[in-house]
Amino acid sequence: MPSGRQIAKINYEIFESWIMSRSNDELKLIIHRGRLNRREIAISCGFCRSAIDQNSAIRKKLLEVEDLLRKDKILPEKVKSWQTPRRHKSAHIVETEDQRIRKLETDNALLRAENSELKNKLSSFAIIAEVLAETGRMPR
């Protein structure tokens, strides 16, 4: 059974090969709160998230990659802890939200049309019920 140091080395090698196999466009998809999503990276590499936090080699390499992405203007600039972080939505998320908004607007328009049609039918039935009540032919 491998020791903790051997597992850490194996995890680092897995992470390093994973990061080298990704393009900048692929890394854009996993941006969360101005940095790469650690959970998504851990899932993709096949180890737990705590491996990223506890393995200093992985953590150092990840920070180097994020700095390179900041230089390429893929990640937003670091902000001081007293500043609120800027929201940075990836193109994929924006596109998905736009599609969802368009679908909701279409559904809303269809429901409004159906609602007005049903109101018209209801008003015609109300007139018929009124006439039947006046003539005394109301069903019991």
N, C-alpha and C. Protein backbone atom coordinates (compact mmCIF):
# COMPACT_ATOMS: atom_id res chain seq x y z
N MET A 1 0.85 -1.17 0.00
CA MET A 1 0.00 0.00 0.00
C MET A 1 0.90 1.24 0.00
N PRO A 2 0.60 2.21 -0.88
CA PRO A 2 1.47 3.39 -0.98
C PRO A 2 1.33 4.30 0.25
N SER A 3 2.42 4.98 0.54
CA SER A 3 2.41 5.92 1.66
C SER A 3 1.73 7.22 1.24
N GLY A 4 1.55 8.10 2.21
CA GLY A 4 0.91 9.39 1.94
C GLY A 4 1.71 10.23 0.96
N ARG A 5 3.04 10.17 1.06
CA ARG A 5 3.90 10.94 0.15
C ARG A 5 3.81 10.39 -1.27
N GLN A 6 3.72 9.08 -1.39
CA GLN A 6 3.60 8.47 -2.72
C GLN A 6 2.26 8.84 -3.36
N ILE A 7 1.21 8.83 -2.55
CA ILE A 7 -0.12 9.22 -3.05
C ILE A 7 -0.10 10.68 -3.48
N ALA A 8 0.55 11.53 -2.68
CA ALA A 8 0.64 12.95 -3.03
C ALA A 8 1.38 13.14 -4.35
N LYS A 9 2.45 12.37 -4.56
CA LYS A 9 3.20 12.48 -5.81
C LYS A 9 2.37 12.00 -6.99
N ILE A 10 1.65 10.91 -6.80
CA ILE A 10 0.77 10.39 -7.86
C ILE A 10 -0.31 11.40 -8.20
N ASN A 11 -0.94 11.98 -7.16
CA ASN A 11 -1.98 12.99 -7.39
C ASN A 11 -1.43 14.20 -8.12
N TYR A 12 -0.20 14.61 -7.78
CA TYR A 12 0.41 15.75 -8.47
C TYR A 12 0.63 15.44 -9.94
N GLU A 13 1.12 14.24 -10.23
CA GLU A 13 1.33 13.84 -11.62
C GLU A 13 0.02 13.81 -12.40
N ILE A 14 -1.03 13.30 -11.77
CA ILE A 14 -2.35 13.28 -12.41
C ILE A 14 -2.81 14.70 -12.68
N PHE A 15 -2.67 15.57 -11.67
CA PHE A 15 -3.10 16.96 -11.83
C PHE A 15 -2.29 17.66 -12.93
N GLU A 16 -0.98 17.45 -12.93
CA GLU A 16 -0.13 18.10 -13.92
C GLU A 16 -0.50 17.65 -15.34
N SER A 17 -0.75 16.36 -15.53
CA SER A 17 -1.14 15.89 -16.87
C SER A 17 -2.52 16.42 -17.24
N TRP A 18 -3.41 16.54 -16.25
CA TRP A 18 -4.76 17.07 -16.52
C TRP A 18 -4.68 18.53 -16.95
N ILE A 19 -3.89 19.33 -16.24
CA ILE A 19 -3.82 20.77 -16.52
C ILE A 19 -3.15 21.00 -17.87
N MET A 20 -2.18 20.17 -18.24
CA MET A 20 -1.49 20.33 -19.52
C MET A 20 -2.39 19.92 -20.69
N SER A 21 -3.36 19.04 -20.42
CA SER A 21 -4.23 18.58 -21.50
C SER A 21 -5.41 19.52 -21.75
N ARG A 22 -5.56 20.55 -20.94
CA ARG A 22 -6.69 21.48 -21.07
C ARG A 22 -6.27 22.74 -21.82
N SER A 23 -7.16 23.21 -22.69
CA SER A 23 -6.93 24.48 -23.38
C SER A 23 -7.52 25.60 -22.54
N ASN A 24 -7.20 26.82 -22.90
CA ASN A 24 -7.75 27.98 -22.18
C ASN A 24 -9.26 28.02 -22.28
N ASP A 25 -9.82 27.62 -23.43
CA ASP A 25 -11.28 27.61 -23.59
C ASP A 25 -11.94 26.62 -22.64
N GLU A 26 -11.30 25.49 -22.45
CA GLU A 26 -11.85 24.49 -21.53
C GLU A 26 -11.75 24.98 -20.09
N LEU A 27 -10.67 25.68 -19.78
CA LEU A 27 -10.52 26.20 -18.42
C LEU A 27 -11.51 27.33 -18.14
N LYS A 28 -11.93 28.06 -19.18
CA LYS A 28 -12.92 29.12 -18.99
C LYS A 28 -14.23 28.55 -18.46
N LEU A 29 -14.53 27.31 -18.81
CA LEU A 29 -15.81 26.71 -18.41
C LEU A 29 -15.87 26.37 -16.93
N ILE A 30 -14.73 26.31 -16.27
CA ILE A 30 -14.75 25.95 -14.85
C ILE A 30 -14.33 27.10 -13.94
N ILE A 31 -14.48 28.32 -14.43
CA ILE A 31 -14.18 29.49 -13.59
C ILE A 31 -15.34 29.70 -12.62
N HIS A 32 -14.99 29.89 -11.36
CA HIS A 32 -16.00 30.13 -10.32
C HIS A 32 -15.44 31.17 -9.35
N ARG A 33 -16.13 32.30 -9.25
CA ARG A 33 -15.73 33.39 -8.35
C ARG A 33 -14.30 33.86 -8.60
N GLY A 34 -13.97 34.00 -9.85
CA GLY A 34 -12.69 34.59 -10.20
C GLY A 34 -11.50 33.66 -10.13
N ARG A 35 -11.73 32.37 -9.95
CA ARG A 35 -10.64 31.41 -9.95
C ARG A 35 -11.17 30.07 -10.45
N LEU A 36 -10.26 29.14 -10.70
CA LEU A 36 -10.68 27.84 -11.20
C LEU A 36 -11.40 27.07 -10.09
N ASN A 37 -12.45 26.39 -10.46
CA ASN A 37 -13.27 25.66 -9.50
C ASN A 37 -12.51 24.43 -9.02
N ARG A 38 -12.12 24.44 -7.76
CA ARG A 38 -11.33 23.34 -7.19
C ARG A 38 -12.10 22.02 -7.18
N ARG A 39 -13.38 22.09 -6.92
CA ARG A 39 -14.20 20.86 -6.87
C ARG A 39 -14.24 20.19 -8.24
N GLU A 40 -14.44 21.00 -9.28
CA GLU A 40 -14.49 20.45 -10.64
C GLU A 40 -13.14 19.85 -11.04
N ILE A 41 -12.06 20.50 -10.64
CA ILE A 41 -10.73 19.97 -10.94
C ILE A 41 -10.53 18.64 -10.24
N ALA A 42 -10.89 18.58 -8.96
CA ALA A 42 -10.72 17.34 -8.20
C ALA A 42 -11.54 16.20 -8.79
N ILE A 43 -12.77 16.49 -9.20
CA ILE A 43 -13.62 15.45 -9.80
C ILE A 43 -13.00 14.97 -11.11
N SER A 44 -12.52 15.90 -11.92
CA SER A 44 -11.92 15.54 -13.20
C SER A 44 -10.65 14.72 -13.03
N CYS A 45 -9.88 15.02 -11.99
CA CYS A 45 -8.63 14.29 -11.75
C CYS A 45 -8.85 12.98 -11.02
N GLY A 46 -10.00 12.82 -10.38
CA GLY A 46 -10.30 11.58 -9.70
C GLY A 46 -9.82 11.50 -8.27
N PHE A 47 -9.57 12.64 -7.64
CA PHE A 47 -9.26 12.63 -6.23
C PHE A 47 -10.15 13.61 -5.50
N CYS A 48 -10.09 13.60 -4.17
CA CYS A 48 -10.99 14.46 -3.40
C CYS A 48 -10.47 15.89 -3.38
N ARG A 49 -11.36 16.80 -3.06
CA ARG A 49 -11.01 18.22 -3.08
C ARG A 49 -9.93 18.54 -2.07
N SER A 50 -9.92 17.85 -0.96
CA SER A 50 -8.93 18.14 0.07
C SER A 50 -7.51 17.86 -0.41
N ALA A 51 -7.35 17.02 -1.43
CA ALA A 51 -6.02 16.76 -1.98
C ALA A 51 -5.43 18.05 -2.55
N ILE A 52 -6.26 18.89 -3.13
CA ILE A 52 -5.77 20.17 -3.67
C ILE A 52 -5.31 21.08 -2.54
N ASP A 53 -6.08 21.13 -1.46
CA ASP A 53 -5.73 22.01 -0.34
C ASP A 53 -4.52 21.50 0.44
N GLN A 54 -4.42 20.19 0.58
CA GLN A 54 -3.38 19.62 1.44
C GLN A 54 -2.07 19.34 0.71
N ASN A 55 -2.12 19.18 -0.59
CA ASN A 55 -0.91 18.89 -1.35
C ASN A 55 -0.30 20.21 -1.81
N SER A 56 0.82 20.57 -1.20
CA SER A 56 1.42 21.87 -1.49
C SER A 56 1.90 21.98 -2.94
N ALA A 57 2.32 20.89 -3.54
CA ALA A 57 2.79 20.92 -4.93
C ALA A 57 1.62 21.22 -5.87
N ILE A 58 0.48 20.58 -5.62
CA ILE A 58 -0.72 20.84 -6.45
C ILE A 58 -1.17 22.28 -6.26
N ARG A 59 -1.22 22.71 -5.01
CA ARG A 59 -1.67 24.07 -4.71
C ARG A 59 -0.77 25.10 -5.39
N LYS A 60 0.54 24.90 -5.32
CA LYS A 60 1.49 25.83 -5.94
C LYS A 60 1.31 25.85 -7.45
N LYS A 61 1.20 24.68 -8.07
CA LYS A 61 1.03 24.61 -9.53
C LYS A 61 -0.28 25.25 -9.95
N LEU A 62 -1.35 25.04 -9.19
CA LEU A 62 -2.65 25.62 -9.51
C LEU A 62 -2.59 27.15 -9.44
N LEU A 63 -1.92 27.68 -8.43
CA LEU A 63 -1.77 29.14 -8.33
C LEU A 63 -0.95 29.69 -9.49
N GLU A 64 0.07 28.96 -9.93
CA GLU A 64 0.86 29.38 -11.09
C GLU A 64 0.00 29.42 -12.35
N VAL A 65 -0.82 28.38 -12.53
CA VAL A 65 -1.71 28.33 -13.70
C VAL A 65 -2.70 29.48 -13.66
N GLU A 66 -3.26 29.76 -12.47
CA GLU A 66 -4.21 30.87 -12.36
C GLU A 66 -3.53 32.20 -12.65
N ASP A 67 -2.29 32.37 -12.21
CA ASP A 67 -1.56 33.61 -12.52
C ASP A 67 -1.34 33.76 -14.02
N LEU A 68 -1.01 32.66 -14.70
CA LEU A 68 -0.86 32.71 -16.15
C LEU A 68 -2.18 33.08 -16.83
N LEU A 69 -3.28 32.53 -16.32
CA LEU A 69 -4.59 32.84 -16.89
C LEU A 69 -4.96 34.30 -16.63
N ARG A 70 -4.52 34.85 -15.52
CA ARG A 70 -4.76 36.27 -15.25
C ARG A 70 -3.97 37.15 -16.22
N LYS A 71 -2.74 36.74 -16.52
CA LYS A 71 -1.93 37.49 -17.48
C LYS A 71 -2.55 37.46 -18.87
N ASP A 72 -3.20 36.34 -19.21
CA ASP A 72 -3.87 36.20 -20.51
C ASP A 72 -5.27 36.80 -20.50
N LYS A 73 -5.66 37.41 -19.39
CA LYS A 73 -6.97 38.06 -19.22
C LYS A 73 -8.13 37.07 -19.29
N ILE A 74 -7.88 35.83 -18.93
CA ILE A 74 -8.95 34.83 -18.88
C ILE A 74 -9.61 34.86 -17.52
N LEU A 75 -8.81 34.99 -16.48
CA LEU A 75 -9.34 35.16 -15.13
C LEU A 75 -9.29 36.65 -14.78
N PRO A 76 -10.24 37.11 -13.96
CA PRO A 76 -10.19 38.52 -13.55
C PRO A 76 -9.02 38.74 -12.59
N GLU A 77 -8.63 39.99 -12.46
CA GLU A 77 -7.53 40.33 -11.56
C GLU A 77 -7.90 39.98 -10.12
N LYS A 78 -6.88 39.69 -9.33
CA LYS A 78 -7.12 39.43 -7.91
C LYS A 78 -7.59 40.71 -7.24
N VAL A 79 -8.49 40.56 -6.28
CA VAL A 79 -8.95 41.72 -5.53
C VAL A 79 -8.50 41.57 -4.09
N LYS A 80 -8.37 42.68 -3.42
CA LYS A 80 -7.99 42.64 -2.01
C LYS A 80 -9.14 42.03 -1.21
N SER A 81 -8.84 41.49 -0.07
CA SER A 81 -9.85 40.79 0.72
C SER A 81 -10.98 41.71 1.16
N TRP A 82 -10.71 42.99 1.29
CA TRP A 82 -11.76 43.92 1.71
C TRP A 82 -12.65 44.34 0.56
N GLN A 83 -12.26 44.04 -0.67
CA GLN A 83 -13.09 44.35 -1.82
C GLN A 83 -13.99 43.18 -2.14
N THR A 84 -15.12 43.47 -2.71
CA THR A 84 -15.98 42.38 -3.12
C THR A 84 -15.48 41.81 -4.44
N PRO A 85 -15.48 40.50 -4.57
CA PRO A 85 -14.98 39.92 -5.82
C PRO A 85 -15.91 40.23 -6.98
N ARG A 86 -15.32 40.42 -8.15
CA ARG A 86 -16.13 40.69 -9.33
C ARG A 86 -16.75 39.39 -9.81
N ARG A 87 -17.96 39.51 -10.29
CA ARG A 87 -18.62 38.34 -10.85
C ARG A 87 -18.11 38.14 -12.26
N HIS A 88 -17.61 36.97 -12.51
CA HIS A 88 -17.09 36.65 -13.83
C HIS A 88 -17.81 35.41 -14.33
N LYS A 89 -18.70 35.60 -15.26
CA LYS A 89 -19.44 34.48 -15.80
C LYS A 89 -18.78 34.02 -17.09
N SER A 90 -18.63 32.74 -17.18
CA SER A 90 -18.03 32.21 -18.40
C SER A 90 -19.03 32.30 -19.54
N ALA A 91 -18.54 32.23 -20.74
CA ALA A 91 -19.39 32.34 -21.93
C ALA A 91 -20.45 31.24 -21.94
N HIS A 92 -20.08 30.08 -21.48
CA HIS A 92 -21.02 28.95 -21.46
C HIS A 92 -22.20 29.24 -20.52
N ILE A 93 -21.92 29.80 -19.35
CA ILE A 93 -22.98 30.10 -18.39
C ILE A 93 -23.89 31.20 -18.93
N VAL A 94 -23.30 32.23 -19.53
CA VAL A 94 -24.09 33.32 -20.09
C VAL A 94 -25.01 32.80 -21.19
N GLU A 95 -24.47 31.94 -22.05
CA GLU A 95 -25.27 31.37 -23.14
C GLU A 95 -26.41 30.52 -22.59
N THR A 96 -26.13 29.74 -21.58
CA THR A 96 -27.16 28.90 -20.97
C THR A 96 -28.24 29.75 -20.32
N GLU A 97 -27.84 30.82 -19.64
CA GLU A 97 -28.82 31.71 -19.01
C GLU A 97 -29.67 32.42 -20.06
N ASP A 98 -29.06 32.83 -21.18
CA ASP A 98 -29.82 33.47 -22.25
C ASP A 98 -30.85 32.51 -22.84
N GLN A 99 -30.47 31.26 -23.03
CA GLN A 99 -31.41 30.27 -23.55
C GLN A 99 -32.56 30.07 -22.56
N ARG A 100 -32.25 30.01 -21.29
CA ARG A 100 -33.27 29.81 -20.26
C ARG A 100 -34.23 31.00 -20.22
N ILE A 101 -33.69 32.20 -20.33
CA ILE A 101 -34.53 33.41 -20.32
C ILE A 101 -35.46 33.42 -21.52
N ARG A 102 -34.92 33.09 -22.71
CA ARG A 102 -35.76 33.05 -23.92
C ARG A 102 -36.88 32.03 -23.77
N LYS A 103 -36.58 30.87 -23.21
CA LYS A 103 -37.59 29.83 -23.02
C LYS A 103 -38.66 30.30 -22.04
N LEU A 104 -38.25 30.92 -20.94
CA LEU A 104 -39.21 31.41 -19.96
C LEU A 104 -40.11 32.50 -20.55
N GLU A 105 -39.53 33.40 -21.36
CA GLU A 105 -40.33 34.45 -21.98
C GLU A 105 -41.34 33.86 -22.96
N THR A 106 -40.94 32.84 -23.71
CA THR A 106 -41.86 32.18 -24.64
C THR A 106 -42.99 31.50 -23.88
N ASP A 107 -42.62 30.77 -22.82
CA ASP A 107 -43.64 30.10 -22.00
C ASP A 107 -44.60 31.12 -21.39
N ASN A 108 -44.06 32.23 -20.93
CA ASN A 108 -44.89 33.28 -20.33
C ASN A 108 -45.88 33.84 -21.35
N ALA A 109 -45.43 34.10 -22.57
CA ALA A 109 -46.32 34.62 -23.61
C ALA A 109 -47.41 33.61 -23.94
N LEU A 110 -47.06 32.32 -24.02
CA LEU A 110 -48.07 31.29 -24.30
C LEU A 110 -49.10 31.20 -23.18
N LEU A 111 -48.65 31.28 -21.95
CA LEU A 111 -49.57 31.21 -20.82
C LEU A 111 -50.49 32.43 -20.76
N ARG A 112 -49.97 33.60 -21.10
CA ARG A 112 -50.81 34.80 -21.14
C ARG A 112 -51.89 34.68 -22.21
N ALA A 113 -51.52 34.15 -23.38
CA ALA A 113 -52.50 33.97 -24.46
C ALA A 113 -53.57 32.97 -24.04
N GLU A 114 -53.15 31.87 -23.43
CA GLU A 114 -54.11 30.86 -22.96
C GLU A 114 -55.02 31.44 -21.89
N ASN A 115 -54.46 32.25 -21.00
CA ASN A 115 -55.24 32.87 -19.93
C ASN A 115 -56.32 33.79 -20.51
N SER A 116 -55.97 34.62 -21.48
CA SER A 116 -56.96 35.53 -22.06
C SER A 116 -58.04 34.74 -22.82
N GLU A 117 -57.65 33.65 -23.49
CA GLU A 117 -58.63 32.81 -24.20
C GLU A 117 -59.61 32.18 -23.21
N LEU A 118 -59.11 31.70 -22.09
CA LEU A 118 -59.98 31.09 -21.08
C LEU A 118 -60.89 32.13 -20.42
N LYS A 119 -60.39 33.35 -20.24
CA LYS A 119 -61.24 34.41 -19.69
C LYS A 119 -62.39 34.72 -20.64
N ASN A 120 -62.12 34.75 -21.95
CA ASN A 120 -63.19 35.00 -22.93
C ASN A 120 -64.23 33.89 -22.88
N LYS A 121 -63.80 32.64 -22.80
CA LYS A 121 -64.74 31.52 -22.71
C LYS A 121 -65.57 31.62 -21.43
N LEU A 122 -64.94 31.97 -20.35
CA LEU A 122 -65.64 32.09 -19.07
C LEU A 122 -66.70 33.18 -19.13
N SER A 123 -66.37 34.30 -19.77
CA SER A 123 -67.35 35.38 -19.86
C SER A 123 -68.55 34.95 -20.71
N SER A 124 -68.33 34.17 -21.78
CA SER A 124 -69.46 33.71 -22.59
C SER A 124 -70.33 32.73 -21.80
N PHE A 125 -69.72 31.88 -20.99
CA PHE A 125 -70.50 30.97 -20.17
C PHE A 125 -71.25 31.71 -19.06
N ALA A 126 -70.69 32.79 -18.57
CA ALA A 126 -71.36 33.59 -17.55
C ALA A 126 -72.62 34.21 -18.13
N ILE A 127 -72.56 34.65 -19.37
CA ILE A 127 -73.74 35.23 -20.03
C ILE A 127 -74.83 34.17 -20.19
N ILE A 128 -74.45 32.98 -20.62
CA ILE A 128 -75.42 31.88 -20.78
C ILE A 128 -76.05 31.52 -19.44
N ALA A 129 -75.24 31.44 -18.37
CA ALA A 129 -75.77 31.11 -17.05
C ALA A 129 -76.74 32.18 -16.57
N GLU A 130 -76.45 33.44 -16.90
CA GLU A 130 -77.34 34.54 -16.50
C GLU A 130 -78.68 34.43 -17.21
N VAL A 131 -78.65 34.14 -18.51
CA VAL A 131 -79.89 33.99 -19.28
C VAL A 131 -80.72 32.82 -18.76
N LEU A 132 -80.08 31.70 -18.48
CA LEU A 132 -80.78 30.53 -17.95
C LEU A 132 -81.41 30.83 -16.59
N ALA A 133 -80.72 31.60 -15.77
CA ALA A 133 -81.25 31.95 -14.45
C ALA A 133 -82.46 32.86 -14.58
N GLU A 134 -82.43 33.80 -15.54
CA GLU A 134 -83.55 34.72 -15.73
C GLU A 134 -84.78 34.00 -16.27
N THR A 135 -84.59 33.00 -17.10
CA THR A 135 -85.73 32.28 -17.68
C THR A 135 -86.23 31.17 -16.79
N GLY A 136 -85.51 30.90 -15.71
CA GLY A 136 -85.96 29.87 -14.78
C GLY A 136 -85.58 28.47 -15.21
N ARG A 137 -84.66 28.32 -16.05
CA ARG A 137 -84.26 27.01 -16.53
C ARG A 137 -82.91 26.57 -15.91
N MET A 138 -82.64 27.03 -14.74
CA MET A 138 -81.38 26.70 -14.09
C MET A 138 -81.41 25.26 -13.62
N PRO A 139 -80.38 24.46 -13.94
CA PRO A 139 -80.38 23.08 -13.49
C PRO A 139 -80.20 23.01 -11.97
N ARG A 140 -80.82 21.96 -11.39
CA ARG A 140 -80.78 21.82 -9.93
C ARG A 140 -79.63 21.03 -9.48
